[in-house]
Amino acid sequence: MHIPMQVDYGVRALVDLAANGGEGPVRATDISKRQGIPEPYLVQVLHSLRKRGLTTTQRGPLGGHSLALEPSEISMGMVMEYLGGTQTIVGCLDEQGHCTQSSACGQRSVWLEVEMAMQAVLNSKSIADLLERDRLTELPKENGAELAVRP
């Protein structure tokens, strides 16, 4: 399955907002630098997230972006749906009329199971979950030496 770049950037921006938004709005420039996302593209992604009600924007010198919902309320499935559209892993899942073999194809039911499993995983993982995973996988440093990474 292909995850659109806009979805990847959107998830990274939301996790960044969850991690850094405790003291007020976060500037797109700062997110861009931390996440390695081109700022012009990030601005478009943040605009789309705001239109869908996942973020808010405050204008002005102290302005920036904030989460509109709690991180635990935003699932990766929501981001995929809002930014990635309704792409399926194979064309025959879009509509049965698309493939002449759909009615008698054993593969179709397997691809449908894969699609449903993927959606279940994405819907079960929130921005809060990803933030926690990020914190657990950070490499603690002691005297310049890396310590063990926790999964």
C-alpha atoms as a PDB file:
ATOM      1  CA  MET A   1       0.000   0.000   0.000  1.00  0.00           C
ATOM      2  CA  HIS A   2       1.144   3.496  -0.787  1.00  0.00           C
ATOM      3  CA  ILE A   3       0.740   6.171   1.884  1.00  0.00           C
ATOM      4  CA  PRO A   4       0.469   9.607   0.247  1.00  0.00           C
ATOM      5  CA  MET A   5       3.149  12.101   1.289  1.00  0.00           C
ATOM      6  CA  GLN A   6       0.435  14.485   2.434  1.00  0.00           C
ATOM      7  CA  VAL A   7      -0.731  11.868   4.988  1.00  0.00           C
ATOM      8  CA  ASP A   8       2.816  11.275   6.230  1.00  0.00           C
ATOM      9  CA  TYR A   9       3.404  15.010   6.616  1.00  0.00           C
ATOM     10  CA  GLY A  10       0.016  15.473   8.254  1.00  0.00           C
ATOM     11  CA  VAL A  11       0.675  12.796  10.859  1.00  0.00           C
ATOM     12  CA  ARG A  12       4.152  14.171  11.579  1.00  0.00           C
ATOM     13  CA  ALA A  13       2.773  17.707  11.934  1.00  0.00           C
ATOM     14  CA  LEU A  14       0.029  16.545  14.319  1.00  0.00           C
ATOM     15  CA  VAL A  15       2.513  14.640  16.486  1.00  0.00           C
ATOM     16  CA  ASP A  16       4.756  17.717  16.523  1.00  0.00           C
ATOM     17  CA  LEU A  17       1.826  19.898  17.592  1.00  0.00           C
ATOM     18  CA  ALA A  18       0.980  17.419  20.345  1.00  0.00           C
ATOM     19  CA  ALA A  19       4.587  17.412  21.552  1.00  0.00           C
ATOM     20  CA  ASN A  20       5.250  21.152  21.306  1.00  0.00           C
ATOM     21  CA  GLY A  21       1.866  22.845  21.653  1.00  0.00           C
ATOM     22  CA  GLY A  22       1.731  22.944  25.440  1.00  0.00           C
ATOM     23  CA  GLU A  23       2.894  26.555  25.631  1.00  0.00           C
ATOM     24  CA  GLY A  24       0.690  27.955  22.894  1.00  0.00           C
ATOM     25  CA  PRO A  25       0.441  27.936  19.122  1.00  0.00           C
ATOM     26  CA  VAL A  26       3.314  26.442  17.127  1.00  0.00           C
ATOM     27  CA  ARG A  27       4.662  28.191  14.043  1.00  0.00           C
ATOM     28  CA  ALA A  28       4.732  26.271  10.759  1.00  0.00           C
ATOM     29  CA  THR A  29       8.373  27.311  10.360  1.00  0.00           C
ATOM     30  CA  ASP A  30       9.282  25.492  13.564  1.00  0.00           C
ATOM     31  CA  ILE A  31       7.378  22.345  12.606  1.00  0.00           C
ATOM     32  CA  SER A  32       8.990  22.439   9.171  1.00  0.00           C
ATOM     33  CA  LYS A  33      12.496  22.598  10.632  1.00  0.00           C
ATOM     34  CA  ARG A  34      11.932  19.878  13.238  1.00  0.00           C
ATOM     35  CA  GLN A  35      10.151  17.501  10.876  1.00  0.00           C
ATOM     36  CA  GLY A  36      12.065  18.155   7.656  1.00  0.00           C
ATOM     37  CA  ILE A  37       8.881  19.066   5.799  1.00  0.00           C
ATOM     38  CA  PRO A  38       9.085  21.768   3.117  1.00  0.00           C
ATOM     39  CA  GLU A  39       7.298  24.759   4.642  1.00  0.00           C
ATOM     40  CA  PRO A  40       5.140  25.693   1.621  1.00  0.00           C
ATOM     41  CA  TYR A  41       3.797  22.133   1.460  1.00  0.00           C
ATOM     42  CA  LEU A  42       3.359  21.986   5.242  1.00  0.00           C
ATOM     43  CA  VAL A  43       1.248  25.159   5.140  1.00  0.00           C
ATOM     44  CA  GLN A  44      -1.084  23.451   2.644  1.00  0.00           C
ATOM     45  CA  VAL A  45      -1.317  20.340   4.843  1.00  0.00           C
ATOM     46  CA  LEU A  46      -2.037  22.423   7.946  1.00  0.00           C
ATOM     47  CA  HIS A  47      -4.712  24.312   6.026  1.00  0.00           C
ATOM     48  CA  SER A  48      -6.382  21.003   5.082  1.00  0.00           C
ATOM     49  CA  LEU A  49      -6.179  19.796   8.692  1.00  0.00           C
ATOM     50  CA  ARG A  50      -7.763  23.044   9.891  1.00  0.00           C
ATOM     51  CA  LYS A  51     -10.601  22.753   7.363  1.00  0.00           C
ATOM     52  CA  ARG A  52     -11.311  19.239   8.714  1.00  0.00           C
ATOM     53  CA  GLY A  53     -11.381  20.458  12.311  1.00  0.00           C
ATOM     54  CA  LEU A  54      -8.193  18.777  13.527  1.00  0.00           C
ATOM     55  CA  THR A  55      -6.208  21.979  14.075  1.00  0.00           C
ATOM     56  CA  THR A  56      -6.825  25.639  14.717  1.00  0.00           C
ATOM     57  CA  THR A  57      -4.863  28.642  13.545  1.00  0.00           C
ATOM     58  CA  GLN A  58      -4.117  31.867  15.367  1.00  0.00           C
ATOM     59  CA  ARG A  59      -2.846  34.820  13.351  1.00  0.00           C
ATOM     60  CA  GLY A  60      -0.393  37.444  14.467  1.00  0.00           C
ATOM     61  CA  PRO A  61       3.105  37.639  15.915  1.00  0.00           C
ATOM     62  CA  LEU A  62       2.267  35.126  18.659  1.00  0.00           C
ATOM     63  CA  GLY A  63       0.190  33.030  16.288  1.00  0.00           C
ATOM     64  CA  GLY A  64       0.612  29.558  14.944  1.00  0.00           C
ATOM     65  CA  HIS A  65      -1.142  26.214  14.906  1.00  0.00           C
ATOM     66  CA  SER A  66      -2.694  24.140  17.674  1.00  0.00           C
ATOM     67  CA  LEU A  67      -4.579  20.872  17.914  1.00  0.00           C
ATOM     68  CA  ALA A  68      -8.348  21.375  17.920  1.00  0.00           C
ATOM     69  CA  LEU A  69      -8.884  17.980  19.571  1.00  0.00           C
ATOM     70  CA  GLU A  70      -7.045  15.985  22.189  1.00  0.00           C
ATOM     71  CA  PRO A  71      -4.238  13.883  20.656  1.00  0.00           C
ATOM     72  CA  SER A  72      -6.046  10.744  21.802  1.00  0.00           C
ATOM     73  CA  GLU A  73      -9.106  11.756  19.741  1.00  0.00           C
ATOM     74  CA  ILE A  74      -7.233  11.993  16.421  1.00  0.00           C
ATOM     75  CA  SER A  75      -6.612   8.627  14.785  1.00  0.00           C
ATOM     76  CA  MET A  76      -4.269   7.863  11.943  1.00  0.00           C
ATOM     77  CA  GLY A  77      -7.350   6.590  10.119  1.00  0.00           C
ATOM     78  CA  MET A  78      -8.883  10.063  10.313  1.00  0.00           C
ATOM     79  CA  VAL A  79      -5.746  11.626   8.869  1.00  0.00           C
ATOM     80  CA  MET A  80      -5.647   9.014   6.106  1.00  0.00           C
ATOM     81  CA  GLU A  81      -9.304   9.642   5.279  1.00  0.00           C
ATOM     82  CA  TYR A  82      -9.016  13.444   5.397  1.00  0.00           C
ATOM     83  CA  LEU A  83      -5.716  13.841   3.549  1.00  0.00           C
ATOM     84  CA  GLY A  84      -5.327  10.642   1.545  1.00  0.00           C
ATOM     85  CA  GLY A  85      -8.768  10.326   0.098  1.00  0.00           C
ATOM     86  CA  THR A  86     -10.447   7.018  -0.487  1.00  0.00           C
ATOM     87  CA  GLN A  87      -7.666   5.162  -2.242  1.00  0.00           C
ATOM     88  CA  THR A  88      -7.879   1.396  -2.038  1.00  0.00           C
ATOM     89  CA  ILE A  89      -5.016  -1.059  -2.308  1.00  0.00           C
ATOM     90  CA  VAL A  90      -6.407  -2.544  -5.538  1.00  0.00           C
ATOM     91  CA  GLY A  91      -8.778  -1.028  -8.073  1.00  0.00           C
ATOM     92  CA  CYS A  92     -11.453  -3.707  -7.807  1.00  0.00           C
ATOM     93  CA  LEU A  93     -12.274  -2.609  -4.248  1.00  0.00           C
ATOM     94  CA  ASP A  94     -13.368   0.816  -5.502  1.00  0.00           C
ATOM     95  CA  GLU A  95     -16.346  -0.522  -7.400  1.00  0.00           C
ATOM     96  CA  GLN A  96     -17.353  -3.983  -8.542  1.00  0.00           C
ATOM     97  CA  GLY A  97     -18.026  -2.779 -12.070  1.00  0.00           C
ATOM     98  CA  HIS A  98     -14.371  -1.780 -12.442  1.00  0.00           C
ATOM     99  CA  CYS A  99     -13.202  -5.380 -12.842  1.00  0.00           C
ATOM    100  CA  THR A 100     -14.926  -7.968 -15.013  1.00  0.00           C
ATOM    101  CA  GLN A 101     -13.704 -10.720 -12.677  1.00  0.00           C
ATOM    102  CA  SER A 102     -15.025  -9.204  -9.415  1.00  0.00           C
ATOM    103  CA  SER A 103     -18.040 -11.467  -9.029  1.00  0.00           C
ATOM    104  CA  ALA A 104     -15.963 -14.650  -9.382  1.00  0.00           C
ATOM    105  CA  CYS A 105     -12.556 -13.544  -8.107  1.00  0.00           C
ATOM    106  CA  GLY A 106     -11.116 -15.232  -5.025  1.00  0.00           C
ATOM    107  CA  GLN A 107      -8.477 -12.515  -4.667  1.00  0.00           C
ATOM    108  CA  ARG A 108     -11.010  -9.760  -4.123  1.00  0.00           C
ATOM    109  CA  SER A 109     -12.120 -11.093  -0.740  1.00  0.00           C
ATOM    110  CA  VAL A 110      -8.490 -11.405   0.407  1.00  0.00           C
ATOM    111  CA  TRP A 111      -7.688  -7.835  -0.656  1.00  0.00           C
ATOM    112  CA  LEU A 112     -10.832  -6.693   1.135  1.00  0.00           C
ATOM    113  CA  GLU A 113      -9.648  -8.419   4.336  1.00  0.00           C
ATOM    114  CA  VAL A 114      -6.245  -6.723   3.989  1.00  0.00           C
ATOM    115  CA  GLU A 115      -7.936  -3.350   3.468  1.00  0.00           C
ATOM    116  CA  MET A 116     -10.176  -3.834   6.508  1.00  0.00           C
ATOM    117  CA  ALA A 117      -7.254  -4.957   8.706  1.00  0.00           C
ATOM    118  CA  MET A 118      -5.237  -1.927   7.640  1.00  0.00           C
ATOM    119  CA  GLN A 119      -8.133   0.412   8.416  1.00  0.00           C
ATOM    120  CA  ALA A 120      -8.582  -1.235  11.816  1.00  0.00           C
ATOM    121  CA  VAL A 121      -4.922  -0.641  12.677  1.00  0.00           C
ATOM    122  CA  LEU A 122      -5.002   2.978  11.488  1.00  0.00           C
ATOM    123  CA  ASN A 123      -8.220   3.645  13.393  1.00  0.00           C
ATOM    124  CA  SER A 124      -6.760   2.125  16.576  1.00  0.00           C
ATOM    125  CA  LYS A 125      -3.635   4.330  16.626  1.00  0.00           C
ATOM    126  CA  SER A 126      -3.967   7.893  17.796  1.00  0.00           C
ATOM    127  CA  ILE A 127      -1.638  10.871  17.707  1.00  0.00           C
ATOM    128  CA  ALA A 128      -1.212  10.338  21.469  1.00  0.00           C
ATOM    129  CA  ASP A 129      -0.080   6.747  20.781  1.00  0.00           C
ATOM    130  CA  LEU A 130       2.482   7.967  18.257  1.00  0.00           C
ATOM    131  CA  LEU A 131       3.730  10.649  20.631  1.00  0.00           C
ATOM    132  CA  GLU A 132       4.234   7.996  23.310  1.00  0.00           C
ATOM    133  CA  ARG A 133       6.069   5.751  20.829  1.00  0.00           C
ATOM    134  CA  ASP A 134       8.306   8.673  19.892  1.00  0.00           C
ATOM    135  CA  ARG A 135       9.131   9.271  23.539  1.00  0.00           C
ATOM    136  CA  LEU A 136       9.880   5.592  24.147  1.00  0.00           C
ATOM    137  CA  THR A 137      12.181   5.318  21.142  1.00  0.00           C
ATOM    138  CA  GLU A 138      14.226   8.435  21.863  1.00  0.00           C
ATOM    139  CA  LEU A 139      17.815   7.471  22.514  1.00  0.00           C
ATOM    140  CA  PRO A 140      18.826   8.569  25.997  1.00  0.00           C
ATOM    141  CA  LYS A 141      22.396   9.830  26.136  1.00  0.00           C
ATOM    142  CA  GLU A 142      24.734   9.291  29.041  1.00  0.00           C
ATOM    143  CA  ASN A 143      28.199  10.803  28.707  1.00  0.00           C
ATOM    144  CA  GLY A 144      27.785  10.833  24.926  1.00  0.00           C
ATOM    145  CA  ALA A 145      27.083   7.085  24.693  1.00  0.00           C
ATOM    146  CA  GLU A 146      23.811   5.703  23.376  1.00  0.00           C
ATOM    147  CA  LEU A 147      21.799   3.495  25.683  1.00  0.00           C
ATOM    148  CA  ALA A 148      19.456   0.677  24.655  1.00  0.00           C
ATOM    149  CA  VAL A 149      16.385   1.562  22.618  1.00  0.00           C
ATOM    150  CA  ARG A 150      13.015   0.418  23.938  1.00  0.00           C
ATOM    151  CA  PRO A 151      10.442  -0.750  21.364  1.00  0.00           C
END
